[in-house]
Amino acid sequence: MKFFILSILFMVHLFAQPLWMNNPTNSQFYGGIGIVKDKTLRRVAILQARAELLETIKVEISSNTESVKSSISGNYTSEFKQTIVSKAEDIVKESYVKDTFTDSEGYYYVWVVVLK
């Protein structure tokens, strides 16, 4: 009986965290997660999440334009990369905090998203 109760408590704890913690990007959003030890550092968590989001978007833009990039001559490659970074930064400016979560140890998680 004790084992059964402990098993249920473990399962409740396991499923208590939001789904976005395992996959911040989904069919609707590009997402990033920021984590801090103390909720008073919320702004730091948001900056972390936006940095992660920026990297996700840069990779997405790069992978979607790989065929175009391969047809560009060497003279334009660095300009093309700079355009990708600039576009990604513009997209991240539209991001917002979609959800937050505090775990049992007090860590504060912020999920920042932008619509796809």
PDB file of N, CA and C in Angstrom:
ATOM      1  N   MET A   1       0.815  -1.199   0.000  1.00  0.00           N
ATOM      2  CA  MET A   1       0.000   0.000   0.000  1.00  0.00           C
ATOM      3  C   MET A   1       0.862   1.267   0.000  1.00  0.00           C
ATOM      4  N   LYS A   2       1.910   1.258   0.819  1.00  0.00           N
ATOM      5  CA  LYS A   2       2.810   2.407   0.884  1.00  0.00           C
ATOM      6  C   LYS A   2       3.473   2.629  -0.474  1.00  0.00           C
ATOM      7  N   PHE A   3       3.896   1.561  -1.129  1.00  0.00           N
ATOM      8  CA  PHE A   3       4.507   1.654  -2.451  1.00  0.00           C
ATOM      9  C   PHE A   3       3.525   2.247  -3.455  1.00  0.00           C
ATOM     10  N   PHE A   4       2.276   1.840  -3.387  1.00  0.00           N
ATOM     11  CA  PHE A   4       1.242   2.330  -4.289  1.00  0.00           C
ATOM     12  C   PHE A   4       1.058   3.839  -4.134  1.00  0.00           C
ATOM     13  N   ILE A   5       0.997   4.309  -2.911  1.00  0.00           N
ATOM     14  CA  ILE A   5       0.824   5.738  -2.634  1.00  0.00           C
ATOM     15  C   ILE A   5       2.036   6.524  -3.125  1.00  0.00           C
ATOM     16  N   LEU A   6       3.235   6.016  -2.877  1.00  0.00           N
ATOM     17  CA  LEU A   6       4.452   6.680  -3.351  1.00  0.00           C
ATOM     18  C   LEU A   6       4.489   6.722  -4.874  1.00  0.00           C
ATOM     19  N   SER A   7       4.050   5.654  -5.514  1.00  0.00           N
ATOM     20  CA  SER A   7       4.012   5.623  -6.977  1.00  0.00           C
ATOM     21  C   SER A   7       3.073   6.681  -7.532  1.00  0.00           C
ATOM     22  N   ILE A   8       1.924   6.814  -6.905  1.00  0.00           N
ATOM     23  CA  ILE A   8       0.958   7.823  -7.352  1.00  0.00           C
ATOM     24  C   ILE A   8       1.515   9.228  -7.133  1.00  0.00           C
ATOM     25  N   LEU A   9       2.127   9.469  -5.998  1.00  0.00           N
ATOM     26  CA  LEU A   9       2.719  10.783  -5.734  1.00  0.00           C
ATOM     27  C   LEU A   9       3.807  11.108  -6.739  1.00  0.00           C
ATOM     28  N   PHE A  10       4.620  10.135  -7.089  1.00  0.00           N
ATOM     29  CA  PHE A  10       5.671  10.339  -8.083  1.00  0.00           C
ATOM     30  C   PHE A  10       5.060  10.683  -9.441  1.00  0.00           C
ATOM     31  N   MET A  11       4.020   9.981  -9.834  1.00  0.00           N
ATOM     32  CA  MET A  11       3.376  10.237 -11.119  1.00  0.00           C
ATOM     33  C   MET A  11       2.733  11.622 -11.145  1.00  0.00           C
ATOM     34  N   VAL A  12       2.125  12.032 -10.066  1.00  0.00           N
ATOM     35  CA  VAL A  12       1.533  13.370  -9.992  1.00  0.00           C
ATOM     36  C   VAL A  12       2.623  14.418 -10.138  1.00  0.00           C
ATOM     37  N   HIS A  13       3.738  14.224  -9.461  1.00  0.00           N
ATOM     38  CA  HIS A  13       4.858  15.158  -9.560  1.00  0.00           C
ATOM     39  C   HIS A  13       5.414  15.187 -10.977  1.00  0.00           C
ATOM     40  N   LEU A  14       5.549  14.031 -11.595  1.00  0.00           N
ATOM     41  CA  LEU A  14       6.105  13.924 -12.937  1.00  0.00           C
ATOM     42  C   LEU A  14       5.240  14.665 -13.944  1.00  0.00           C
ATOM     43  N   PHE A  15       3.932  14.518 -13.828  1.00  0.00           N
ATOM     44  CA  PHE A  15       3.034  15.135 -14.790  1.00  0.00           C
ATOM     45  C   PHE A  15       2.576  16.530 -14.369  1.00  0.00           C
ATOM     46  N   ALA A  16       3.045  17.020 -13.248  1.00  0.00           N
ATOM     47  CA  ALA A  16       2.637  18.337 -12.770  1.00  0.00           C
ATOM     48  C   ALA A  16       3.304  19.459 -13.557  1.00  0.00           C
ATOM     49  N   GLN A  17       4.446  19.187 -14.138  1.00  0.00           N
ATOM     50  CA  GLN A  17       5.111  20.245 -14.895  1.00  0.00           C
ATOM     51  C   GLN A  17       4.442  20.419 -16.259  1.00  0.00           C
ATOM     52  N   PRO A  18       4.428  21.647 -16.761  1.00  0.00           N
ATOM     53  CA  PRO A  18       3.775  21.920 -18.045  1.00  0.00           C
ATOM     54  C   PRO A  18       4.453  21.195 -19.210  1.00  0.00           C
ATOM     55  N   LEU A  19       3.687  20.904 -20.235  1.00  0.00           N
ATOM     56  CA  LEU A  19       4.220  20.218 -21.417  1.00  0.00           C
ATOM     57  C   LEU A  19       5.307  21.024 -22.120  1.00  0.00           C
ATOM     58  N   TRP A  20       5.197  22.336 -22.094  1.00  0.00           N
ATOM     59  CA  TRP A  20       6.165  23.171 -22.790  1.00  0.00           C
ATOM     60  C   TRP A  20       7.581  23.051 -22.232  1.00  0.00           C
ATOM     61  N   MET A  21       7.720  22.545 -21.023  1.00  0.00           N
ATOM     62  CA  MET A  21       9.055  22.393 -20.449  1.00  0.00           C
ATOM     63  C   MET A  21       9.867  21.337 -21.201  1.00  0.00           C
ATOM     64  N   ASN A  22       9.198  20.367 -21.797  1.00  0.00           N
ATOM     65  CA  ASN A  22       9.892  19.341 -22.574  1.00  0.00           C
ATOM     66  C   ASN A  22      10.041  19.721 -24.037  1.00  0.00           C
ATOM     67  N   ASN A  23       9.174  20.588 -24.522  1.00  0.00           N
ATOM     68  CA  ASN A  23       9.211  20.984 -25.921  1.00  0.00           C
ATOM     69  C   ASN A  23       8.687  22.413 -26.058  1.00  0.00           C
ATOM     70  N   PRO A  24       9.562  23.412 -25.927  1.00  0.00           N
ATOM     71  CA  PRO A  24       9.101  24.801 -25.951  1.00  0.00           C
ATOM     72  C   PRO A  24       8.581  25.265 -27.314  1.00  0.00           C
ATOM     73  N   THR A  25       8.977  24.570 -28.386  1.00  0.00           N
ATOM     74  CA  THR A  25       8.478  24.889 -29.715  1.00  0.00           C
ATOM     75  C   THR A  25       7.464  23.835 -30.107  1.00  0.00           C
ATOM     76  N   ASN A  26       6.320  24.300 -30.596  1.00  0.00           N
ATOM     77  CA  ASN A  26       5.277  23.366 -31.012  1.00  0.00           C
ATOM     78  C   ASN A  26       4.682  23.818 -32.339  1.00  0.00           C
ATOM     79  N   SER A  27       3.541  23.301 -32.718  1.00  0.00           N
ATOM     80  CA  SER A  27       2.958  23.627 -34.022  1.00  0.00           C
ATOM     81  C   SER A  27       2.493  25.082 -34.123  1.00  0.00           C
ATOM     82  N   GLN A  28       2.238  25.729 -32.996  1.00  0.00           N
ATOM     83  CA  GLN A  28       1.765  27.118 -33.001  1.00  0.00           C
ATOM     84  C   GLN A  28       2.861  28.145 -32.737  1.00  0.00           C
ATOM     85  N   PHE A  29       3.849  27.760 -31.916  1.00  0.00           N
ATOM     86  CA  PHE A  29       4.822  28.730 -31.420  1.00  0.00           C
ATOM     87  C   PHE A  29       6.262  28.255 -31.602  1.00  0.00           C
ATOM     88  N   TYR A  30       7.146  29.231 -31.811  1.00  0.00           N
ATOM     89  CA  TYR A  30       8.562  29.021 -31.529  1.00  0.00           C
ATOM     90  C   TYR A  30       8.704  29.436 -30.078  1.00  0.00           C
ATOM     91  N   GLY A  31       9.451  28.678 -29.291  1.00  0.00           N
ATOM     92  CA  GLY A  31       9.547  29.005 -27.880  1.00  0.00           C
ATOM     93  C   GLY A  31      10.948  28.865 -27.329  1.00  0.00           C
ATOM     94  N   GLY A  32      11.166  29.545 -26.224  1.00  0.00           N
ATOM     95  CA  GLY A  32      12.399  29.458 -25.472  1.00  0.00           C
ATOM     96  C   GLY A  32      12.077  29.451 -23.990  1.00  0.00           C
ATOM     97  N   ILE A  33      12.944  28.820 -23.209  1.00  0.00           N
ATOM     98  CA  ILE A  33      12.723  28.723 -21.769  1.00  0.00           C
ATOM     99  C   ILE A  33      13.894  29.360 -21.031  1.00  0.00           C
ATOM    100  N   GLY A  34      13.562  30.184 -20.050  1.00  0.00           N
ATOM    101  CA  GLY A  34      14.551  30.756 -19.160  1.00  0.00           C
ATOM    102  C   GLY A  34      14.336  30.199 -17.761  1.00  0.00           C
ATOM    103  N   ILE A  35      15.435  29.974 -17.035  1.00  0.00           N
ATOM    104  CA  ILE A  35      15.345  29.371 -15.700  1.00  0.00           C
ATOM    105  C   ILE A  35      16.206  30.179 -14.736  1.00  0.00           C
ATOM    106  N   VAL A  36      15.614  30.525 -13.591  1.00  0.00           N
ATOM    107  CA  VAL A  36      16.361  31.191 -12.526  1.00  0.00           C
ATOM    108  C   VAL A  36      15.996  30.555 -11.191  1.00  0.00           C
ATOM    109  N   LYS A  37      16.855  30.720 -10.225  1.00  0.00           N
ATOM    110  CA  LYS A  37      16.631  30.132  -8.902  1.00  0.00           C
ATOM    111  C   LYS A  37      15.594  30.903  -8.097  1.00  0.00           C
ATOM    112  N   ASP A  38      15.490  32.193  -8.362  1.00  0.00           N
ATOM    113  CA  ASP A  38      14.633  33.054  -7.555  1.00  0.00           C
ATOM    114  C   ASP A  38      13.703  33.849  -8.464  1.00  0.00           C
ATOM    115  N   LYS A  39      12.420  33.846  -8.167  1.00  0.00           N
ATOM    116  CA  LYS A  39      11.424  34.532  -8.995  1.00  0.00           C
ATOM    117  C   LYS A  39      11.703  36.025  -9.132  1.00  0.00           C
ATOM    118  N   THR A  40      12.430  36.604  -8.192  1.00  0.00           N
ATOM    119  CA  THR A  40      12.747  38.028  -8.289  1.00  0.00           C
ATOM    120  C   THR A  40      13.666  38.321  -9.473  1.00  0.00           C
ATOM    121  N   LEU A  41      14.273  37.277 -10.036  1.00  0.00           N
ATOM    122  CA  LEU A  41      15.137  37.422 -11.203  1.00  0.00           C
ATOM    123  C   LEU A  41      14.370  37.133 -12.502  1.00  0.00           C
ATOM    124  N   ARG A  42      13.089  37.378 -12.470  1.00  0.00           N
ATOM    125  CA  ARG A  42      12.207  37.092 -13.613  1.00  0.00           C
ATOM    126  C   ARG A  42      12.731  37.690 -14.918  1.00  0.00           C
ATOM    127  N   ARG A  43      13.214  38.920 -14.868  1.00  0.00           N
ATOM    128  CA  ARG A  43      13.713  39.590 -16.080  1.00  0.00           C
ATOM    129  C   ARG A  43      14.896  38.841 -16.673  1.00  0.00           C
ATOM    130  N   VAL A  44      15.741  38.285 -15.817  1.00  0.00           N
ATOM    131  CA  VAL A  44      16.882  37.490 -16.295  1.00  0.00           C
ATOM    132  C   VAL A  44      16.376  36.238 -17.010  1.00  0.00           C
ATOM    133  N   ALA A  45      15.374  35.597 -16.435  1.00  0.00           N
ATOM    134  CA  ALA A  45      14.792  34.401 -17.054  1.00  0.00           C
ATOM    135  C   ALA A  45      14.199  34.741 -18.420  1.00  0.00           C
ATOM    136  N   ILE A  46      13.555  35.881 -18.530  1.00  0.00           N
ATOM    137  CA  ILE A  46      12.975  36.301 -19.811  1.00  0.00           C
ATOM    138  C   ILE A  46      14.080  36.536 -20.840  1.00  0.00           C
ATOM    139  N   LEU A  47      15.162  37.170 -20.432  1.00  0.00           N
ATOM    140  CA  LEU A  47      16.289  37.386 -21.349  1.00  0.00           C
ATOM    141  C   LEU A  47      16.896  36.062 -21.801  1.00  0.00           C
ATOM    142  N   GLN A  48      17.033  35.114 -20.877  1.00  0.00           N
ATOM    143  CA  GLN A  48      17.543  33.785 -21.239  1.00  0.00           C
ATOM    144  C   GLN A  48      16.622  33.115 -22.256  1.00  0.00           C
ATOM    145  N   ALA A  49      15.334  33.178 -21.995  1.00  0.00           N
ATOM    146  CA  ALA A  49      14.356  32.550 -22.883  1.00  0.00           C
ATOM    147  C   ALA A  49      14.388  33.198 -24.265  1.00  0.00           C
ATOM    148  N   ARG A  50      14.519  34.498 -24.314  1.00  0.00           N
ATOM    149  CA  ARG A  50      14.581  35.189 -25.615  1.00  0.00           C
ATOM    150  C   ARG A  50      15.862  34.847 -26.369  1.00  0.00           C
ATOM    151  N   ALA A  51      16.963  34.673 -25.648  1.00  0.00           N
ATOM    152  CA  ALA A  51      18.215  34.260 -26.298  1.00  0.00           C
ATOM    153  C   ALA A  51      18.063  32.861 -26.905  1.00  0.00           C
ATOM    154  N   GLU A  52      17.429  31.958 -26.159  1.00  0.00           N
ATOM    155  CA  GLU A  52      17.178  30.606 -26.670  1.00  0.00           C
ATOM    156  C   GLU A  52      16.240  30.656 -27.872  1.00  0.00           C
ATOM    157  N   LEU A  53      15.216  31.487 -27.786  1.00  0.00           N
ATOM    158  CA  LEU A  53      14.260  31.658 -28.875  1.00  0.00           C
ATOM    159  C   LEU A  53      14.959  32.195 -30.122  1.00  0.00           C
ATOM    160  N   LEU A  54      15.847  33.146 -29.946  1.00  0.00           N
ATOM    161  CA  LEU A  54      16.603  33.716 -31.071  1.00  0.00           C
ATOM    162  C   LEU A  54      17.404  32.634 -31.788  1.00  0.00           C
ATOM    163  N   GLU A  55      18.074  31.791 -31.030  1.00  0.00           N
ATOM    164  CA  GLU A  55      18.853  30.699 -31.637  1.00  0.00           C
ATOM    165  C   GLU A  55      17.947  29.728 -32.390  1.00  0.00           C
ATOM    166  N   THR A  56      16.802  29.407 -31.824  1.00  0.00           N
ATOM    167  CA  THR A  56      15.857  28.501 -32.475  1.00  0.00           C
ATOM    168  C   THR A  56      15.392  29.077 -33.806  1.00  0.00           C
ATOM    169  N   ILE A  57      15.068  30.357 -33.816  1.00  0.00           N
ATOM    170  CA  ILE A  57      14.575  30.994 -35.035  1.00  0.00           C
ATOM    171  C   ILE A  57      15.680  31.112 -36.077  1.00  0.00           C
ATOM    172  N   LYS A  58      16.903  31.442 -35.643  1.00  0.00           N
ATOM    173  CA  LYS A  58      18.014  31.519 -36.604  1.00  0.00           C
ATOM    174  C   LYS A  58      18.240  30.181 -37.277  1.00  0.00           C
ATOM    175  N   VAL A  59      18.187  29.101 -36.518  1.00  0.00           N
ATOM    176  CA  VAL A  59      18.360  27.764 -37.086  1.00  0.00           C
ATOM    177  C   VAL A  59      17.234  27.461 -38.061  1.00  0.00           C
ATOM    178  N   GLU A  60      16.009  27.806 -37.696  1.00  0.00           N
ATOM    179  CA  GLU A  60      14.844  27.555 -38.565  1.00  0.00           C
ATOM    180  C   GLU A  60      14.973  28.331 -39.869  1.00  0.00           C
ATOM    181  N   ILE A  61      15.320  29.612 -39.787  1.00  0.00           N
ATOM    182  CA  ILE A  61      15.468  30.434 -40.988  1.00  0.00           C
ATOM    183  C   ILE A  61      16.605  29.886 -41.847  1.00  0.00           C
ATOM    184  N   SER A  62      17.710  29.545 -41.203  1.00  0.00           N
ATOM    185  CA  SER A  62      18.863  29.015 -41.946  1.00  0.00           C
ATOM    186  C   SER A  62      18.522  27.722 -42.671  1.00  0.00           C
ATOM    187  N   SER A  63      17.846  26.818 -41.995  1.00  0.00           N
ATOM    188  CA  SER A  63      17.535  25.529 -42.616  1.00  0.00           C
ATOM    189  C   SER A  63      16.518  25.690 -43.741  1.00  0.00           C
ATOM    190  N   ASN A  64      15.613  26.645 -43.617  1.00  0.00           N
ATOM    191  CA  ASN A  64      14.622  26.875 -44.667  1.00  0.00           C
ATOM    192  C   ASN A  64      15.200  27.584 -45.883  1.00  0.00           C
ATOM    193  N   THR A  65      16.361  28.200 -45.730  1.00  0.00           N
ATOM    194  CA  THR A  65      16.954  28.946 -46.841  1.00  0.00           C
ATOM    195  C   THR A  65      18.257  28.328 -47.320  1.00  0.00           C
ATOM    196  N   GLU A  66      18.543  27.104 -46.926  1.00  0.00           N
ATOM    197  CA  GLU A  66      19.804  26.452 -47.290  1.00  0.00           C
ATOM    198  C   GLU A  66      19.970  26.355 -48.801  1.00  0.00           C
ATOM    199  N   SER A  67      18.924  26.055 -49.519  1.00  0.00           N
ATOM    200  CA  SER A  67      19.031  25.934 -50.971  1.00  0.00           C
ATOM    201  C   SER A  67      19.338  27.279 -51.615  1.00  0.00           C
ATOM    202  N   VAL A  68      18.756  28.353 -51.082  1.00  0.00           N
ATOM    203  CA  VAL A  68      19.053  29.685 -51.607  1.00  0.00           C
ATOM    204  C   VAL A  68      20.504  30.033 -51.314  1.00  0.00           C
ATOM    205  N   LYS A  69      20.944  29.720 -50.112  1.00  0.00           N
ATOM    206  CA  LYS A  69      22.310  30.029 -49.691  1.00  0.00           C
ATOM    207  C   LYS A  69      23.330  29.336 -50.586  1.00  0.00           C
ATOM    208  N   SER A  70      23.059  28.106 -50.976  1.00  0.00           N
ATOM    209  CA  SER A  70      24.019  27.367 -51.790  1.00  0.00           C
ATOM    210  C   SER A  70      24.151  27.955 -53.188  1.00  0.00           C
ATOM    211  N   SER A  71      23.151  28.685 -53.647  1.00  0.00           N
ATOM    212  CA  SER A  71      23.228  29.290 -54.972  1.00  0.00           C
ATOM    213  C   SER A  71      23.822  30.702 -54.943  1.00  0.00           C
ATOM    214  N   ILE A  72      24.097  31.212 -53.747  1.00  0.00           N
ATOM    215  CA  ILE A  72      24.673  32.557 -53.615  1.00  0.00           C
ATOM    216  C   ILE A  72      26.190  32.462 -53.693  1.00  0.00           C
ATOM    217  N   SER A  73      26.795  33.380 -54.421  1.00  0.00           N
ATOM    218  CA  SER A  73      28.253  33.365 -54.533  1.00  0.00           C
ATOM    219  C   SER A  73      28.896  33.775 -53.217  1.00  0.00           C
ATOM    220  N   GLY A  74      30.170  33.497 -53.054  1.00  0.00           N
ATOM    221  CA  GLY A  74      30.915  33.771 -51.823  1.00  0.00           C
ATOM    222  C   GLY A  74      30.875  35.213 -51.387  1.00  0.00           C
ATOM    223  N   ASN A  75      30.733  36.148 -52.318  1.00  0.00           N
ATOM    224  CA  ASN A  75      30.724  37.568 -51.973  1.00  0.00           C
ATOM    225  C   ASN A  75      29.516  37.960 -51.134  1.00  0.00           C
ATOM    226  N   TYR A  76      28.435  37.232 -51.259  1.00  0.00           N
ATOM    227  CA  TYR A  76      27.199  37.596 -50.582  1.00  0.00           C
ATOM    228  C   TYR A  76      26.893  36.750 -49.351  1.00  0.00           C
ATOM    229  N   THR A  77      27.720  35.752 -49.066  1.00  0.00           N
ATOM    230  CA  THR A  77      27.430  34.831 -47.971  1.00  0.00           C
ATOM    231  C   THR A  77      27.349  35.529 -46.618  1.00  0.00           C
ATOM    232  N   SER A  78      28.302  36.386 -46.290  1.00  0.00           N
ATOM    233  CA  SER A  78      28.276  37.048 -44.981  1.00  0.00           C
ATOM    234  C   SER A  78      27.088  38.007 -44.884  1.00  0.00           C
ATOM    235  N   GLU A  79      26.753  38.673 -45.984  1.00  0.00           N
ATOM    236  CA  GLU A  79      25.593  39.560 -45.986  1.00  0.00           C
ATOM    237  C   GLU A  79      24.305  38.759 -45.784  1.00  0.00           C
ATOM    238  N   PHE A  80      24.262  37.590 -46.379  1.00  0.00           N
ATOM    239  CA  PHE A  80      23.105  36.707 -46.241  1.00  0.00           C
ATOM    240  C   PHE A  80      22.959  36.259 -44.788  1.00  0.00           C
ATOM    241  N   LYS A  81      24.056  35.864 -44.149  1.00  0.00           N
ATOM    242  CA  LYS A  81      24.015  35.451 -42.743  1.00  0.00           C
ATOM    243  C   LYS A  81      23.562  36.603 -41.853  1.00  0.00           C
ATOM    244  N   GLN A  82      24.032  37.801 -42.152  1.00  0.00           N
ATOM    245  CA  GLN A  82      23.647  38.969 -41.362  1.00  0.00           C
ATOM    246  C   GLN A  82      22.146  39.244 -41.512  1.00  0.00           C
ATOM    247  N   THR A  83      21.614  39.014 -42.696  1.00  0.00           N
ATOM    248  CA  THR A  83      20.184  39.187 -42.928  1.00  0.00           C
ATOM    249  C   THR A  83      19.381  38.193 -42.108  1.00  0.00           C
ATOM    250  N   ILE A  84      19.864  36.947 -42.013  1.00  0.00           N
ATOM    251  CA  ILE A  84      19.189  35.923 -41.206  1.00  0.00           C
ATOM    252  C   ILE A  84      19.131  36.353 -39.744  1.00  0.00           C
ATOM    253  N   VAL A  85      20.255  36.816 -39.205  1.00  0.00           N
ATOM    254  CA  VAL A  85      20.311  37.246 -37.810  1.00  0.00           C
ATOM    255  C   VAL A  85      19.376  38.435 -37.596  1.00  0.00           C
ATOM    256  N   SER A  86      19.393  39.391 -38.508  1.00  0.00           N
ATOM    257  CA  SER A  86      18.538  40.567 -38.387  1.00  0.00           C
ATOM    258  C   SER A  86      17.054  40.191 -38.416  1.00  0.00           C
ATOM    259  N   LYS A  87      16.685  39.296 -39.305  1.00  0.00           N
ATOM    260  CA  LYS A  87      15.294  38.846 -39.392  1.00  0.00           C
ATOM    261  C   LYS A  87      14.877  38.133 -38.103  1.00  0.00           C
ATOM    262  N   ALA A  88      15.744  37.263 -37.598  1.00  0.00           N
ATOM    263  CA  ALA A  88      15.450  36.539 -36.358  1.00  0.00           C
ATOM    264  C   ALA A  88      15.280  37.507 -35.196  1.00  0.00           C
ATOM    265  N   GLU A  89      16.135  38.522 -35.114  1.00  0.00           N
ATOM    266  CA  GLU A  89      16.025  39.514 -34.041  1.00  0.00           C
ATOM    267  C   GLU A  89      14.707  40.282 -34.133  1.00  0.00           C
ATOM    268  N   ASP A  90      14.278  40.594 -35.360  1.00  0.00           N
ATOM    269  CA  ASP A  90      12.992  41.280 -35.539  1.00  0.00           C
ATOM    270  C   ASP A  90      11.836  40.409 -35.047  1.00  0.00           C
ATOM    271  N   ILE A  91      11.897  39.119 -35.330  1.00  0.00           N
ATOM    272  CA  ILE A  91      10.840  38.202 -34.902  1.00  0.00           C
ATOM    273  C   ILE A  91      10.798  38.104 -33.379  1.00  0.00           C
ATOM    274  N   VAL A  92      11.966  38.006 -32.742  1.00  0.00           N
ATOM    275  CA  VAL A  92      12.037  37.873 -31.282  1.00  0.00           C
ATOM    276  C   VAL A  92      11.477  39.117 -30.589  1.00  0.00           C
ATOM    277  N   LYS A  93      11.566  40.265 -31.210  1.00  0.00           N
ATOM    278  CA  LYS A  93      11.006  41.488 -30.618  1.00  0.00           C
ATOM    279  C   LYS A  93       9.499  41.362 -30.390  1.00  0.00           C
ATOM    280  N   GLU A  94       8.850  40.480 -31.140  1.00  0.00           N
ATOM    281  CA  GLU A  94       7.407  40.280 -31.009  1.00  0.00           C
ATOM    282  C   GLU A  94       7.062  39.201 -29.969  1.00  0.00           C
ATOM    283  N   SER A  95       8.058  38.645 -29.308  1.00  0.00           N
ATOM    284  CA  SER A  95       7.822  37.549 -28.363  1.00  0.00           C
ATOM    285  C   SER A  95       7.183  38.064 -27.072  1.00  0.00           C
ATOM    286  N   TYR A  96       6.566  37.130 -26.365  1.00  0.00           N
ATOM    287  CA  TYR A  96       5.920  37.469 -25.094  1.00  0.00           C
ATOM    288  C   TYR A  96       5.940  36.250 -24.173  1.00  0.00           C
ATOM    289  N   VAL A  97       5.760  36.502 -22.883  1.00  0.00           N
ATOM    290  CA  VAL A  97       5.717  35.425 -21.893  1.00  0.00           C
ATOM    291  C   VAL A  97       4.357  34.738 -22.006  1.00  0.00           C
ATOM    292  N   LYS A  98       4.390  33.456 -22.337  1.00  0.00           N
ATOM    293  CA  LYS A  98       3.160  32.679 -22.492  1.00  0.00           C
ATOM    294  C   LYS A  98       2.765  31.997 -21.181  1.00  0.00           C
ATOM    295  N   ASP A  99       3.776  31.538 -20.409  1.00  0.00           N
ATOM    296  CA  ASP A  99       3.478  30.825 -19.167  1.00  0.00           C
ATOM    297  C   ASP A  99       4.714  30.842 -18.271  1.00  0.00           C
ATOM    298  N   THR A 100       4.489  30.579 -16.990  1.00  0.00           N
ATOM    299  CA  THR A 100       5.568  30.437 -16.015  1.00  0.00           C
ATOM    300  C   THR A 100       5.289  29.216 -15.152  1.00  0.00           C
ATOM    301  N   PHE A 101       6.335  28.746 -14.483  1.00  0.00           N
ATOM    302  CA  PHE A 101       6.197  27.570 -13.625  1.00  0.00           C
ATOM    303  C   PHE A 101       7.277  27.630 -12.555  1.00  0.00           C
ATOM    304  N   THR A 102       6.925  27.308 -11.328  1.00  0.00           N
ATOM    305  CA  THR A 102       7.892  27.190 -10.238  1.00  0.00           C
ATOM    306  C   THR A 102       7.876  25.742  -9.777  1.00  0.00           C
ATOM    307  N   ASP A 103       9.056  25.100  -9.793  1.00  0.00           N
ATOM    308  CA  ASP A 103       9.102  23.696  -9.391  1.00  0.00           C
ATOM    309  C   ASP A 103       9.218  23.556  -7.877  1.00  0.00           C
ATOM    310  N   SER A 104       9.245  22.321  -7.416  1.00  0.00           N
ATOM    311  CA  SER A 104       9.245  22.052  -5.973  1.00  0.00           C
ATOM    312  C   SER A 104      10.517  22.530  -5.276  1.00  0.00           C
ATOM    313  N   GLU A 105      11.582  22.756  -6.039  1.00  0.00           N
ATOM    314  CA  GLU A 105      12.832  23.254  -5.455  1.00  0.00           C
ATOM    315  C   GLU A 105      12.935  24.776  -5.506  1.00  0.00           C
ATOM    316  N   GLY A 106      11.924  25.415  -6.059  1.00  0.00           N
ATOM    317  CA  GLY A 106      11.902  26.871  -6.109  1.00  0.00           C
ATOM    318  C   GLY A 106      12.446  27.478  -7.395  1.00  0.00           C
ATOM    319  N   TYR A 107      12.855  26.659  -8.349  1.00  0.00           N
ATOM    320  CA  TYR A 107      13.331  27.199  -9.617  1.00  0.00           C
ATOM    321  C   TYR A 107      12.150  27.768 -10.395  1.00  0.00           C
ATOM    322  N   TYR A 108      12.379  28.907 -11.006  1.00  0.00           N
ATOM    323  CA  TYR A 108      11.326  29.631 -11.725  1.00  0.00           C
ATOM    324  C   TYR A 108      11.606  29.524 -13.225  1.00  0.00           C
ATOM    325  N   TYR A 109      10.634  29.047 -13.985  1.00  0.00           N
ATOM    326  CA  TYR A 109      10.763  28.834 -15.415  1.00  0.00           C
ATOM    327  C   TYR A 109       9.839  29.796 -16.146  1.00  0.00           C
ATOM    328  N   VAL A 110      10.335  30.369 -17.228  1.00  0.00           N
ATOM    329  CA  VAL A 110       9.555  31.275 -18.046  1.00  0.00           C
ATOM    330  C   VAL A 110       9.545  30.740 -19.474  1.00  0.00           C
ATOM    331  N   TRP A 111       8.368  30.659 -20.062  1.00  0.00           N
ATOM    332  CA  TRP A 111       8.218  30.224 -21.444  1.00  0.00           C
ATOM    333  C   TRP A 111       7.880  31.447 -22.291  1.00  0.00           C
ATOM    334  N   VAL A 112       8.800  31.823 -23.148  1.00  0.00           N
ATOM    335  CA  VAL A 112       8.621  32.970 -24.041  1.00  0.00           C
ATOM    336  C   VAL A 112       8.365  32.413 -25.440  1.00  0.00           C
ATOM    337  N   VAL A 113       7.353  32.962 -26.110  1.00  0.00           N
ATOM    338  CA  VAL A 113       6.969  32.444 -27.425  1.00  0.00           C
ATOM    339  C   VAL A 113       6.760  33.567 -28.425  1.00  0.00           C
ATOM    340  N   VAL A 114       6.727  33.147 -29.687  1.00  0.00           N
ATOM    341  CA  VAL A 114       6.294  33.989 -30.789  1.00  0.00           C
ATOM    342  C   VAL A 114       5.534  33.071 -31.737  1.00  0.00           C
ATOM    343  N   LEU A 115       4.458  33.578 -32.320  1.00  0.00           N
ATOM    344  CA  LEU A 115       3.667  32.782 -33.238  1.00  0.00           C
ATOM    345  C   LEU A 115       4.478  32.405 -34.471  1.00  0.00           C
ATOM    346  N   LYS A 116       4.236  31.202 -34.970  1.00  0.00           N
ATOM    347  CA  LYS A 116       4.909  30.768 -36.206  1.00  0.00           C
ATOM    348  C   LYS A 116       4.286  31.463 -37.397  1.00  0.00           C
TER     349      LYS A 116
END
